[in-house]
PDB file of N, CA and C in Angstrom:
ATOM      1  N   MET A   1       0.824  -1.180  -0.007  1.00  0.00           N
ATOM      2  CA  MET A   1      -0.009  -0.005  -0.016  1.00  0.00           C
ATOM      3  C   MET A   1       0.895   1.242   0.006  1.00  0.00           C
ATOM      4  N   LYS A   2       0.624   2.112  -0.904  1.00  0.00           N
ATOM      5  CA  LYS A   2       1.357   3.375  -0.966  1.00  0.00           C
ATOM      6  C   LYS A   2       0.820   4.353   0.102  1.00  0.00           C
ATOM      7  N   THR A   3       1.698   5.085   0.718  1.00  0.00           N
ATOM      8  CA  THR A   3       1.305   6.119   1.658  1.00  0.00           C
ATOM      9  C   THR A   3       0.310   7.077   0.954  1.00  0.00           C
ATOM     10  N   GLY A   4      -0.788   7.339   1.626  1.00  0.00           N
ATOM     11  CA  GLY A   4      -1.808   8.187   1.060  1.00  0.00           C
ATOM     12  C   GLY A   4      -2.843   7.366   0.332  1.00  0.00           C
ATOM     13  N   GLY A   5      -2.641   6.062   0.152  1.00  0.00           N
ATOM     14  CA  GLY A   5      -3.677   5.200  -0.424  1.00  0.00           C
ATOM     15  C   GLY A   5      -4.863   4.981   0.493  1.00  0.00           C
ATOM     16  N   SER A   6      -5.831   4.253   0.049  1.00  0.00           N
ATOM     17  CA  SER A   6      -7.027   4.016   0.805  1.00  0.00           C
ATOM     18  C   SER A   6      -7.213   2.561   1.105  1.00  0.00           C
ATOM     19  N   ILE A   7      -7.776   2.278   2.261  1.00  0.00           N
ATOM     20  CA  ILE A   7      -8.125   0.942   2.696  1.00  0.00           C
ATOM     21  C   ILE A   7      -9.610   0.956   3.054  1.00  0.00           C
ATOM     22  N   VAL A   8     -10.360  -0.028   2.568  1.00  0.00           N
ATOM     23  CA  VAL A   8     -11.773  -0.168   2.917  1.00  0.00           C
ATOM     24  C   VAL A   8     -11.966  -1.439   3.756  1.00  0.00           C
ATOM     25  N   LEU A   9     -12.401  -1.200   4.935  1.00  0.00           N
ATOM     26  CA  LEU A   9     -12.698  -2.300   5.852  1.00  0.00           C
ATOM     27  C   LEU A   9     -14.178  -2.557   5.794  1.00  0.00           C
ATOM     28  N   ILE A  10     -14.581  -3.808   5.493  1.00  0.00           N
ATOM     29  CA  ILE A  10     -15.973  -4.186   5.478  1.00  0.00           C
ATOM     30  C   ILE A  10     -16.200  -5.097   6.689  1.00  0.00           C
ATOM     31  N   ALA A  11     -16.929  -4.559   7.646  1.00  0.00           N
ATOM     32  CA  ALA A  11     -17.155  -5.319   8.910  1.00  0.00           C
ATOM     33  C   ALA A  11     -18.534  -4.937   9.440  1.00  0.00           C
ATOM     34  N   GLU A  12     -19.367  -5.909   9.682  1.00  0.00           N
ATOM     35  CA  GLU A  12     -20.714  -5.664  10.139  1.00  0.00           C
ATOM     36  C   GLU A  12     -20.757  -4.850  11.445  1.00  0.00           C
ATOM     37  N   CYS A  13     -19.912  -5.230  12.401  1.00  0.00           N
ATOM     38  CA  CYS A  13     -19.888  -4.534  13.692  1.00  0.00           C
ATOM     39  C   CYS A  13     -21.256  -4.438  14.358  1.00  0.00           C
ATOM     40  N   ALA A  14     -22.032  -5.514  14.230  1.00  0.00           N
ATOM     41  CA  ALA A  14     -23.381  -5.537  14.818  1.00  0.00           C
ATOM     42  C   ALA A  14     -23.370  -5.352  16.311  1.00  0.00           C
ATOM     43  N   GLU A  15     -22.278  -5.700  16.991  1.00  0.00           N
ATOM     44  CA  GLU A  15     -22.195  -5.566  18.437  1.00  0.00           C
ATOM     45  C   GLU A  15     -21.277  -4.421  18.835  1.00  0.00           C
ATOM     46  N   GLY A  16     -21.004  -3.527  17.934  1.00  0.00           N
ATOM     47  CA  GLY A  16     -20.096  -2.402  18.220  1.00  0.00           C
ATOM     48  C   GLY A  16     -18.754  -2.596  17.571  1.00  0.00           C
ATOM     49  N   ILE A  17     -17.862  -1.681  17.873  1.00  0.00           N
ATOM     50  CA  ILE A  17     -16.561  -1.705  17.175  1.00  0.00           C
ATOM     51  C   ILE A  17     -15.536  -2.647  17.837  1.00  0.00           C
ATOM     52  N   GLY A  18     -15.743  -2.956  19.094  1.00  0.00           N
ATOM     53  CA  GLY A  18     -14.779  -3.807  19.798  1.00  0.00           C
ATOM     54  C   GLY A  18     -15.028  -3.887  21.234  1.00  0.00           C
ATOM     55  N   ASN A  19     -14.022  -4.351  21.997  1.00  0.00           N
ATOM     56  CA  ASN A  19     -14.221  -4.459  23.416  1.00  0.00           C
ATOM     57  C   ASN A  19     -14.302  -3.107  24.111  1.00  0.00           C
ATOM     58  N   GLN A  20     -14.652  -3.129  25.425  1.00  0.00           N
ATOM     59  CA  GLN A  20     -14.905  -1.885  26.146  1.00  0.00           C
ATOM     60  C   GLN A  20     -13.698  -0.999  26.206  1.00  0.00           C
ATOM     61  N   VAL A  21     -12.514  -1.564  26.306  1.00  0.00           N
ATOM     62  CA  VAL A  21     -11.291  -0.743  26.391  1.00  0.00           C
ATOM     63  C   VAL A  21     -11.075  -0.023  25.069  1.00  0.00           C
ATOM     64  N   TYR A  22     -11.208  -0.695  23.946  1.00  0.00           N
ATOM     65  CA  TYR A  22     -11.050  -0.088  22.632  1.00  0.00           C
ATOM     66  C   TYR A  22     -12.100   1.053  22.460  1.00  0.00           C
ATOM     67  N   GLU A  23     -13.354   0.762  22.794  1.00  0.00           N
ATOM     68  CA  GLU A  23     -14.364   1.795  22.704  1.00  0.00           C
ATOM     69  C   GLU A  23     -14.076   2.996  23.569  1.00  0.00           C
ATOM     70  N   CYS A  24     -13.566   2.762  24.778  1.00  0.00           N
ATOM     71  CA  CYS A  24     -13.207   3.832  25.695  1.00  0.00           C
ATOM     72  C   CYS A  24     -12.075   4.703  25.059  1.00  0.00           C
ATOM     73  N   TRP A  25     -11.063   4.109  24.539  1.00  0.00           N
ATOM     74  CA  TRP A  25      -9.983   4.849  23.891  1.00  0.00           C
ATOM     75  C   TRP A  25     -10.522   5.692  22.732  1.00  0.00           C
ATOM     76  N   ASN A  26     -11.457   5.085  21.958  1.00  0.00           N
ATOM     77  CA  ASN A  26     -12.019   5.827  20.812  1.00  0.00           C
ATOM     78  C   ASN A  26     -12.820   7.034  21.305  1.00  0.00           C
ATOM     79  N   ARG A  27     -13.484   6.946  22.420  1.00  0.00           N
ATOM     80  CA  ARG A  27     -14.210   8.100  22.965  1.00  0.00           C
ATOM     81  C   ARG A  27     -13.246   9.168  23.524  1.00  0.00           C
ATOM     82  N   GLU A  28     -12.176   8.745  24.180  1.00  0.00           N
ATOM     83  CA  GLU A  28     -11.301   9.661  24.842  1.00  0.00           C
ATOM     84  C   GLU A  28     -10.185  10.277  24.003  1.00  0.00           C
ATOM     85  N   CYS A  29      -9.733   9.514  23.023  1.00  0.00           N
ATOM     86  CA  CYS A  29      -8.667  10.022  22.153  1.00  0.00           C
ATOM     87  C   CYS A  29      -9.284  10.763  20.955  1.00  0.00           C
ATOM     88  N   LYS A  30      -9.011  12.054  20.893  1.00  0.00           N
ATOM     89  CA  LYS A  30      -9.688  12.918  19.913  1.00  0.00           C
ATOM     90  C   LYS A  30      -8.995  12.958  18.540  1.00  0.00           C
ATOM     91  N   SER A  31      -7.768  12.410  18.461  1.00  0.00           N
ATOM     92  CA  SER A  31      -7.070  12.419  17.183  1.00  0.00           C
ATOM     93  C   SER A  31      -6.133  11.194  17.166  1.00  0.00           C
ATOM     94  N   PRO A  32      -5.670  10.806  15.980  1.00  0.00           N
ATOM     95  CA  PRO A  32      -4.745   9.698  15.894  1.00  0.00           C
ATOM     96  C   PRO A  32      -3.477   9.952  16.781  1.00  0.00           C
ATOM     97  N   ASP A  33      -2.991  11.207  16.796  1.00  0.00           N
ATOM     98  CA  ASP A  33      -1.831  11.535  17.602  1.00  0.00           C
ATOM     99  C   ASP A  33      -2.121  11.288  19.111  1.00  0.00           C
ATOM    100  N   ASP A  34      -3.325  11.639  19.542  1.00  0.00           N
ATOM    101  CA  ASP A  34      -3.705  11.417  20.950  1.00  0.00           C
ATOM    102  C   ASP A  34      -3.584   9.943  21.289  1.00  0.00           C
ATOM    103  N   SER A  35      -4.117   9.100  20.423  1.00  0.00           N
ATOM    104  CA  SER A  35      -4.121   7.652  20.701  1.00  0.00           C
ATOM    105  C   SER A  35      -2.725   7.081  20.678  1.00  0.00           C
ATOM    106  N   ILE A  36      -1.937   7.504  19.752  1.00  0.00           N
ATOM    107  CA  ILE A  36      -0.539   7.016  19.659  1.00  0.00           C
ATOM    108  C   ILE A  36       0.257   7.426  20.907  1.00  0.00           C
ATOM    109  N   GLU A  37       0.132   8.679  21.287  1.00  0.00           N
ATOM    110  CA  GLU A  37       0.861   9.167  22.459  1.00  0.00           C
ATOM    111  C   GLU A  37       0.350   8.501  23.726  1.00  0.00           C
ATOM    112  N   ARG A  38      -0.912   8.272  23.857  1.00  0.00           N
ATOM    113  CA  ARG A  38      -1.451   7.609  25.038  1.00  0.00           C
ATOM    114  C   ARG A  38      -0.864   6.180  25.109  1.00  0.00           C
ATOM    115  N   PHE A  39      -0.811   5.456  23.980  1.00  0.00           N
ATOM    116  CA  PHE A  39      -0.266   4.119  23.990  1.00  0.00           C
ATOM    117  C   PHE A  39       1.245   4.134  24.347  1.00  0.00           C
ATOM    118  N   LYS A  40       2.003   5.139  23.926  1.00  0.00           N
ATOM    119  CA  LYS A  40       3.387   5.230  24.291  1.00  0.00           C
ATOM    120  C   LYS A  40       3.559   5.374  25.813  1.00  0.00           C
ATOM    121  N   GLN A  41       2.630   6.091  26.409  1.00  0.00           N
ATOM    122  CA  GLN A  41       2.698   6.379  27.852  1.00  0.00           C
ATOM    123  C   GLN A  41       2.059   5.273  28.738  1.00  0.00           C
ATOM    124  N   PHE A  42       1.103   4.535  28.160  1.00  0.00           N
ATOM    125  CA  PHE A  42       0.305   3.635  28.983  1.00  0.00           C
ATOM    126  C   PHE A  42      -0.191   2.465  28.145  1.00  0.00           C
ATOM    127  N   PHE A  43       0.393   1.260  28.323  1.00  0.00           N
ATOM    128  CA  PHE A  43      -0.111   0.122  27.600  1.00  0.00           C
ATOM    129  C   PHE A  43      -1.343  -0.412  28.294  1.00  0.00           C
ATOM    130  N   GLU A  44      -2.347  -0.619  27.456  1.00  0.00           N
ATOM    131  CA  GLU A  44      -3.563  -1.270  27.989  1.00  0.00           C
ATOM    132  C   GLU A  44      -4.094  -2.171  26.897  1.00  0.00           C
ATOM    133  N   PHE A  45      -4.275  -3.414  27.227  1.00  0.00           N
ATOM    134  CA  PHE A  45      -4.767  -4.381  26.220  1.00  0.00           C
ATOM    135  C   PHE A  45      -6.123  -3.927  25.751  1.00  0.00           C
ATOM    136  N   GLY A  46      -6.284  -3.771  24.465  1.00  0.00           N
ATOM    137  CA  GLY A  46      -7.494  -3.227  23.857  1.00  0.00           C
ATOM    138  C   GLY A  46      -7.163  -1.842  23.304  1.00  0.00           C
ATOM    139  N   GLY A  47      -6.408  -1.057  24.079  1.00  0.00           N
ATOM    140  CA  GLY A  47      -6.012   0.247  23.644  1.00  0.00           C
ATOM    141  C   GLY A  47      -5.003   0.174  22.518  1.00  0.00           C
ATOM    142  N   HIS A  48      -4.286  -0.945  22.462  1.00  0.00           N
ATOM    143  CA  HIS A  48      -3.308  -1.107  21.385  1.00  0.00           C
ATOM    144  C   HIS A  48      -3.987  -1.057  20.033  1.00  0.00           C
ATOM    145  N   LYS A  49      -5.221  -1.535  19.932  1.00  0.00           N
ATOM    146  CA  LYS A  49      -5.936  -1.487  18.637  1.00  0.00           C
ATOM    147  C   LYS A  49      -6.194  -0.047  18.209  1.00  0.00           C
ATOM    148  N   SER A  50      -6.536   0.773  19.127  1.00  0.00           N
ATOM    149  CA  SER A  50      -6.782   2.188  18.830  1.00  0.00           C
ATOM    150  C   SER A  50      -5.474   2.816  18.277  1.00  0.00           C
ATOM    151  N   ALA A  51      -4.365   2.502  18.891  1.00  0.00           N
ATOM    152  CA  ALA A  51      -3.069   3.031  18.439  1.00  0.00           C
ATOM    153  C   ALA A  51      -2.652   2.498  17.070  1.00  0.00           C
ATOM    154  N   ILE A  52      -2.945   1.262  16.795  1.00  0.00           N
ATOM    155  CA  ILE A  52      -2.614   0.677  15.496  1.00  0.00           C
ATOM    156  C   ILE A  52      -3.437   1.316  14.407  1.00  0.00           C
ATOM    157  N   VAL A  53      -4.772   1.445  14.659  1.00  0.00           N
ATOM    158  CA  VAL A  53      -5.632   2.092  13.677  1.00  0.00           C
ATOM    159  C   VAL A  53      -5.237   3.546  13.495  1.00  0.00           C
ATOM    160  N   ALA A  54      -4.884   4.209  14.599  1.00  0.00           N
ATOM    161  CA  ALA A  54      -4.519   5.637  14.516  1.00  0.00           C
ATOM    162  C   ALA A  54      -3.238   5.762  13.647  1.00  0.00           C
ATOM    163  N   LYS A  55      -2.310   4.905  13.837  1.00  0.00           N
ATOM    164  CA  LYS A  55      -1.022   4.919  13.055  1.00  0.00           C
ATOM    165  C   LYS A  55      -1.388   4.754  11.549  1.00  0.00           C
ATOM    166  N   ALA A  56      -2.269   3.815  11.267  1.00  0.00           N
ATOM    167  CA  ALA A  56      -2.673   3.568   9.859  1.00  0.00           C
ATOM    168  C   ALA A  56      -3.439   4.786   9.297  1.00  0.00           C
ATOM    169  N   ALA A  57      -4.255   5.407  10.152  1.00  0.00           N
ATOM    170  CA  ALA A  57      -5.040   6.574   9.712  1.00  0.00           C
ATOM    171  C   ALA A  57      -4.153   7.747   9.354  1.00  0.00           C
ATOM    172  N   LYS A  58      -2.940   7.826   9.925  1.00  0.00           N
ATOM    173  CA  LYS A  58      -2.031   8.875   9.602  1.00  0.00           C
ATOM    174  C   LYS A  58      -1.362   8.676   8.237  1.00  0.00           C
ATOM    175  N   GLN A  59      -1.361   7.416   7.799  1.00  0.00           N
ATOM    176  CA  GLN A  59      -0.665   7.070   6.547  1.00  0.00           C
ATOM    177  C   GLN A  59      -1.631   6.808   5.375  1.00  0.00           C
ATOM    178  N   PHE A  60      -2.860   6.370   5.679  1.00  0.00           N
ATOM    179  CA  PHE A  60      -3.801   5.967   4.655  1.00  0.00           C
ATOM    180  C   PHE A  60      -5.196   6.583   4.978  1.00  0.00           C
ATOM    181  N   ARG A  61      -6.053   6.600   3.971  1.00  0.00           N
ATOM    182  CA  ARG A  61      -7.460   6.962   4.176  1.00  0.00           C
ATOM    183  C   ARG A  61      -8.180   5.653   4.523  1.00  0.00           C
ATOM    184  N   LEU A  62      -8.742   5.553   5.695  1.00  0.00           N
ATOM    185  CA  LEU A  62      -9.401   4.352   6.152  1.00  0.00           C
ATOM    186  C   LEU A  62     -10.886   4.511   6.071  1.00  0.00           C
ATOM    187  N   TYR A  63     -11.497   3.722   5.186  1.00  0.00           N
ATOM    188  CA  TYR A  63     -12.964   3.732   5.057  1.00  0.00           C
ATOM    189  C   TYR A  63     -13.505   2.537   5.810  1.00  0.00           C
ATOM    190  N   ILE A  64     -14.712   2.606   6.310  1.00  0.00           N
ATOM    191  CA  ILE A  64     -15.361   1.477   6.921  1.00  0.00           C
ATOM    192  C   ILE A  64     -16.815   1.412   6.426  1.00  0.00           C
ATOM    193  N   VAL A  65     -17.225   0.222   6.043  1.00  0.00           N
ATOM    194  CA  VAL A  65     -18.591  -0.078   5.672  1.00  0.00           C
ATOM    195  C   VAL A  65     -19.063  -0.991   6.761  1.00  0.00           C
ATOM    196  N   SER A  66     -20.013  -0.502   7.567  1.00  0.00           N
ATOM    197  CA  SER A  66     -20.488  -1.242   8.744  1.00  0.00           C
ATOM    198  C   SER A  66     -21.855  -0.742   9.174  1.00  0.00           C
ATOM    199  N   LYS A  67     -22.319  -1.329  10.288  1.00  0.00           N
ATOM    200  CA  LYS A  67     -23.542  -0.863  10.896  1.00  0.00           C
ATOM    201  C   LYS A  67     -23.311   0.220  11.954  1.00  0.00           C
ATOM    202  N   LEU A  68     -22.047   0.616  12.105  1.00  0.00           N
ATOM    203  CA  LEU A  68     -21.703   1.646  13.087  1.00  0.00           C
ATOM    204  C   LEU A  68     -22.285   3.000  12.623  1.00  0.00           C
ATOM    205  N   SER A  69     -22.577   3.862  13.610  1.00  0.00           N
ATOM    206  CA  SER A  69     -22.994   5.208  13.252  1.00  0.00           C
ATOM    207  C   SER A  69     -21.792   5.999  12.658  1.00  0.00           C
ATOM    208  N   GLU A  70     -22.119   7.043  11.979  1.00  0.00           N
ATOM    209  CA  GLU A  70     -21.075   7.876  11.410  1.00  0.00           C
ATOM    210  C   GLU A  70     -20.122   8.435  12.519  1.00  0.00           C
ATOM    211  N   GLU A  71     -20.730   8.792  13.635  1.00  0.00           N
ATOM    212  CA  GLU A  71     -19.952   9.353  14.763  1.00  0.00           C
ATOM    213  C   GLU A  71     -19.007   8.273  15.337  1.00  0.00           C
ATOM    214  N   GLU A  72     -19.535   7.095  15.505  1.00  0.00           N
ATOM    215  CA  GLU A  72     -18.673   6.032  16.045  1.00  0.00           C
ATOM    216  C   GLU A  72     -17.560   5.669  15.103  1.00  0.00           C
ATOM    217  N   SER A  73     -17.860   5.636  13.816  1.00  0.00           N
ATOM    218  CA  SER A  73     -16.800   5.349  12.802  1.00  0.00           C
ATOM    219  C   SER A  73     -15.749   6.394  12.822  1.00  0.00           C
ATOM    220  N   ARG A  74     -16.126   7.641  12.861  1.00  0.00           N
ATOM    221  CA  ARG A  74     -15.130   8.724  12.856  1.00  0.00           C
ATOM    222  C   ARG A  74     -14.307   8.779  14.138  1.00  0.00           C
ATOM    223  N   ARG A  75     -14.946   8.470  15.295  1.00  0.00           N
ATOM    224  CA  ARG A  75     -14.186   8.425  16.572  1.00  0.00           C
ATOM    225  C   ARG A  75     -13.089   7.384  16.506  1.00  0.00           C
ATOM    226  N   ALA A  76     -13.291   6.343  15.662  1.00  0.00           N
ATOM    227  CA  ALA A  76     -12.269   5.266  15.564  1.00  0.00           C
ATOM    228  C   ALA A  76     -11.349   5.545  14.397  1.00  0.00           C
ATOM    229  N   PHE A  77     -11.361   6.788  13.879  1.00  0.00           N
ATOM    230  CA  PHE A  77     -10.431   7.281  12.812  1.00  0.00           C
ATOM    231  C   PHE A  77     -10.759   6.685  11.436  1.00  0.00           C
ATOM    232  N   PHE A  78     -12.011   6.285  11.189  1.00  0.00           N
ATOM    233  CA  PHE A  78     -12.431   5.773   9.908  1.00  0.00           C
ATOM    234  C   PHE A  78     -13.322   6.810   9.235  1.00  0.00           C
ATOM    235  N   ILE A  79     -13.389   6.719   7.912  1.00  0.00           N
ATOM    236  CA  ILE A  79     -14.336   7.460   7.122  1.00  0.00           C
ATOM    237  C   ILE A  79     -15.493   6.543   6.844  1.00  0.00           C
ATOM    238  N   PRO A  80     -16.670   6.862   7.314  1.00  0.00           N
ATOM    239  CA  PRO A  80     -17.841   5.968   7.120  1.00  0.00           C
ATOM    240  C   PRO A  80     -18.323   6.019   5.644  1.00  0.00           C
ATOM    241  N   ALA A  81     -18.670   4.801   5.171  1.00  0.00           N
ATOM    242  CA  ALA A  81     -19.314   4.714   3.860  1.00  0.00           C
ATOM    243  C   ALA A  81     -20.507   3.779   3.996  1.00  0.00           C
ATOM    244  N   LYS A  82     -21.576   4.111   3.284  1.00  0.00           N
ATOM    245  CA  LYS A  82     -22.793   3.328   3.406  1.00  0.00           C
ATOM    246  C   LYS A  82     -22.702   1.986   2.602  1.00  0.00           C
ATOM    247  N   SER A  83     -21.776   1.932   1.651  1.00  0.00           N
ATOM    248  CA  SER A  83     -21.620   0.719   0.853  1.00  0.00           C
ATOM    249  C   SER A  83     -20.193   0.659   0.305  1.00  0.00           C
ATOM    250  N   VAL A  84     -19.824  -0.499  -0.162  1.00  0.00           N
ATOM    251  CA  VAL A  84     -18.517  -0.666  -0.783  1.00  0.00           C
ATOM    252  C   VAL A  84     -18.440   0.210  -2.055  1.00  0.00           C
ATOM    253  N   GLN A  85     -19.596   0.247  -2.771  1.00  0.00           N
ATOM    254  CA  GLN A  85     -19.653   1.057  -3.991  1.00  0.00           C
ATOM    255  C   GLN A  85     -19.373   2.529  -3.687  1.00  0.00           C
ATOM    256  N   GLU A  86     -19.954   3.050  -2.595  1.00  0.00           N
ATOM    257  CA  GLU A  86     -19.740   4.445  -2.190  1.00  0.00           C
ATOM    258  C   GLU A  86     -18.261   4.684  -1.876  1.00  0.00           C
ATOM    259  N   ALA A  87     -17.661   3.778  -1.110  1.00  0.00           N
ATOM    260  CA  ALA A  87     -16.268   3.933  -0.778  1.00  0.00           C
ATOM    261  C   ALA A  87     -15.363   3.938  -2.009  1.00  0.00           C
ATOM    262  N   LEU A  88     -15.632   2.991  -2.945  1.00  0.00           N
ATOM    263  CA  LEU A  88     -14.820   2.946  -4.182  1.00  0.00           C
ATOM    264  C   LEU A  88     -15.059   4.167  -5.039  1.00  0.00           C
ATOM    265  N   GLU A  89     -16.286   4.660  -5.092  1.00  0.00           N
ATOM    266  CA  GLU A  89     -16.513   5.859  -5.875  1.00  0.00           C
ATOM    267  C   GLU A  89     -15.743   7.067  -5.291  1.00  0.00           C
ATOM    268  N   ASN A  90     -15.698   7.161  -3.988  1.00  0.00           N
ATOM    269  CA  ASN A  90     -14.920   8.267  -3.344  1.00  0.00           C
ATOM    270  C   ASN A  90     -13.449   8.109  -3.647  1.00  0.00           C
ATOM    271  N   ILE A  91     -12.958   6.914  -3.567  1.00  0.00           N
ATOM    272  CA  ILE A  91     -11.510   6.655  -3.868  1.00  0.00           C
ATOM    273  C   ILE A  91     -11.184   6.963  -5.271  1.00  0.00           C
ATOM    274  N   LEU A  92     -11.994   6.478  -6.200  1.00  0.00           N
ATOM    275  CA  LEU A  92     -11.727   6.695  -7.642  1.00  0.00           C
ATOM    276  C   LEU A  92     -11.973   8.133  -8.054  1.00  0.00           C
ATOM    277  N   ALA A  93     -12.828   8.871  -7.344  1.00  0.00           N
ATOM    278  CA  ALA A  93     -12.977  10.314  -7.609  1.00  0.00           C
ATOM    279  C   ALA A  93     -11.702  11.063  -7.276  1.00  0.00           C
ATOM    280  N   GLU A  94     -11.012  10.644  -6.234  1.00  0.00           N
ATOM    281  CA  GLU A  94      -9.745  11.272  -5.827  1.00  0.00           C
ATOM    282  C   GLU A  94      -8.588  10.834  -6.715  1.00  0.00           C
ATOM    283  N   ASN A  95      -8.614   9.561  -7.130  1.00  0.00           N
ATOM    284  CA  ASN A  95      -7.552   9.002  -7.907  1.00  0.00           C
ATOM    285  C   ASN A  95      -8.097   8.031  -8.973  1.00  0.00           C
ATOM    286  N   PRO A  96      -8.478   8.466 -10.132  1.00  0.00           N
ATOM    287  CA  PRO A  96      -9.067   7.601 -11.143  1.00  0.00           C
ATOM    288  C   PRO A  96      -8.138   6.475 -11.579  1.00  0.00           C
ATOM    289  N   GLU A  97      -6.845   6.611 -11.345  1.00  0.00           N
ATOM    290  CA  GLU A  97      -5.888   5.558 -11.727  1.00  0.00           C
ATOM    291  C   GLU A  97      -5.603   4.567 -10.617  1.00  0.00           C
ATOM    292  N   ALA A  98      -6.352   4.669  -9.545  1.00  0.00           N
ATOM    293  CA  ALA A  98      -6.047   3.787  -8.361  1.00  0.00           C
ATOM    294  C   ALA A  98      -6.175   2.318  -8.736  1.00  0.00           C
ATOM    295  N   LYS A  99      -5.289   1.520  -8.188  1.00  0.00           N
ATOM    296  CA  LYS A  99      -5.359   0.093  -8.373  1.00  0.00           C
ATOM    297  C   LYS A  99      -6.121  -0.457  -7.164  1.00  0.00           C
ATOM    298  N   VAL A 100      -7.026  -1.417  -7.435  1.00  0.00           N
ATOM    299  CA  VAL A 100      -7.821  -1.996  -6.363  1.00  0.00           C
ATOM    300  C   VAL A 100      -7.465  -3.454  -6.183  1.00  0.00           C
ATOM    301  N   HIS A 101      -7.199  -3.787  -4.939  1.00  0.00           N
ATOM    302  CA  HIS A 101      -6.926  -5.171  -4.572  1.00  0.00           C
ATOM    303  C   HIS A 101      -7.960  -5.630  -3.535  1.00  0.00           C
ATOM    304  N   ILE A 102      -8.560  -6.772  -3.758  1.00  0.00           N
ATOM    305  CA  ILE A 102      -9.549  -7.274  -2.852  1.00  0.00           C
ATOM    306  C   ILE A 102      -8.938  -8.461  -2.052  1.00  0.00           C
ATOM    307  N   VAL A 103      -9.023  -8.370  -0.751  1.00  0.00           N
ATOM    308  CA  VAL A 103      -8.464  -9.388   0.134  1.00  0.00           C
ATOM    309  C   VAL A 103      -9.606 -10.016   0.919  1.00  0.00           C
ATOM    310  N   PRO A 104     -10.154 -11.155   0.371  1.00  0.00           N
ATOM    311  CA  PRO A 104     -11.238 -11.823   1.115  1.00  0.00           C
ATOM    312  C   PRO A 104     -10.657 -12.406   2.399  1.00  0.00           C
ATOM    313  N   ASP A 105     -11.462 -12.474   3.451  1.00  0.00           N
ATOM    314  CA  ASP A 105     -11.004 -12.987   4.729  1.00  0.00           C
ATOM    315  C   ASP A 105      -9.728 -12.271   5.166  1.00  0.00           C
ATOM    316  N   GLY A 106      -9.744 -10.976   5.103  1.00  0.00           N
ATOM    317  CA  GLY A 106      -8.540 -10.122   5.385  1.00  0.00           C
ATOM    318  C   GLY A 106      -7.980 -10.400   6.742  1.00  0.00           C
ATOM    319  N   GLY A 107      -8.830 -10.688   7.718  1.00  0.00           N
ATOM    320  CA  GLY A 107      -8.318 -10.926   9.098  1.00  0.00           C
ATOM    321  C   GLY A 107      -7.512 -12.217   9.162  1.00  0.00           C
ATOM    322  N   TRP A 108      -7.649 -13.089   8.185  1.00  0.00           N
ATOM    323  CA  TRP A 108      -6.954 -14.348   8.203  1.00  0.00           C
ATOM    324  C   TRP A 108      -5.918 -14.459   7.053  1.00  0.00           C
ATOM    325  N   THR A 109      -5.644 -13.339   6.384  1.00  0.00           N
ATOM    326  CA  THR A 109      -4.813 -13.342   5.216  1.00  0.00           C
ATOM    327  C   THR A 109      -3.591 -12.432   5.407  1.00  0.00           C
ATOM    328  N   LEU A 110      -2.444 -12.900   4.986  1.00  0.00           N
ATOM    329  CA  LEU A 110      -1.259 -12.128   5.000  1.00  0.00           C
ATOM    330  C   LEU A 110      -0.804 -11.879   3.545  1.00  0.00           C
ATOM    331  N   PRO A 111      -1.085 -10.752   2.969  1.00  0.00           N
ATOM    332  CA  PRO A 111      -0.675 -10.495   1.587  1.00  0.00           C
ATOM    333  C   PRO A 111       0.863 -10.397   1.516  1.00  0.00           C
ATOM    334  N   VAL A 112       1.440 -10.967   0.474  1.00  0.00           N
ATOM    335  CA  VAL A 112       2.875 -10.911   0.292  1.00  0.00           C
ATOM    336  C   VAL A 112       3.081 -10.417  -1.127  1.00  0.00           C
ATOM    337  N   ARG A 113       3.888  -9.381  -1.247  1.00  0.00           N
ATOM    338  CA  ARG A 113       4.190  -8.861  -2.548  1.00  0.00           C
ATOM    339  C   ARG A 113       5.425  -9.518  -3.139  1.00  0.00           C
ATOM    340  N   LYS A 114       5.304 -10.057  -4.382  1.00  0.00           N
ATOM    341  CA  LYS A 114       6.438 -10.726  -4.992  1.00  0.00           C
ATOM    342  C   LYS A 114       7.228  -9.775  -5.798  1.00  0.00           C
TER     343      LYS A 114
END
């Protein structure tokens, strides 16, 4: 992934975005820098996810297609999209030459570039 590229996460999130600690960090950390700095000062299992997403949000545009509210998505440093089509249209509007790679079962897949 090139810096400045976009990632689209498709996740139902029917029960929320994650565990209570992750949700707490999302409420309390107002920016990616806040989350990263908090993690440097204080390790808390669950908070590490907020810091990882924050670090990615500083390098890439992170879209999420889910049942989360717009507010909840943005608090977690994602750009909410109502559908995959909407996310792709936004990405291609910014960069018509963008290459798209689909990673099914992304949580279980490790892409390797040859």
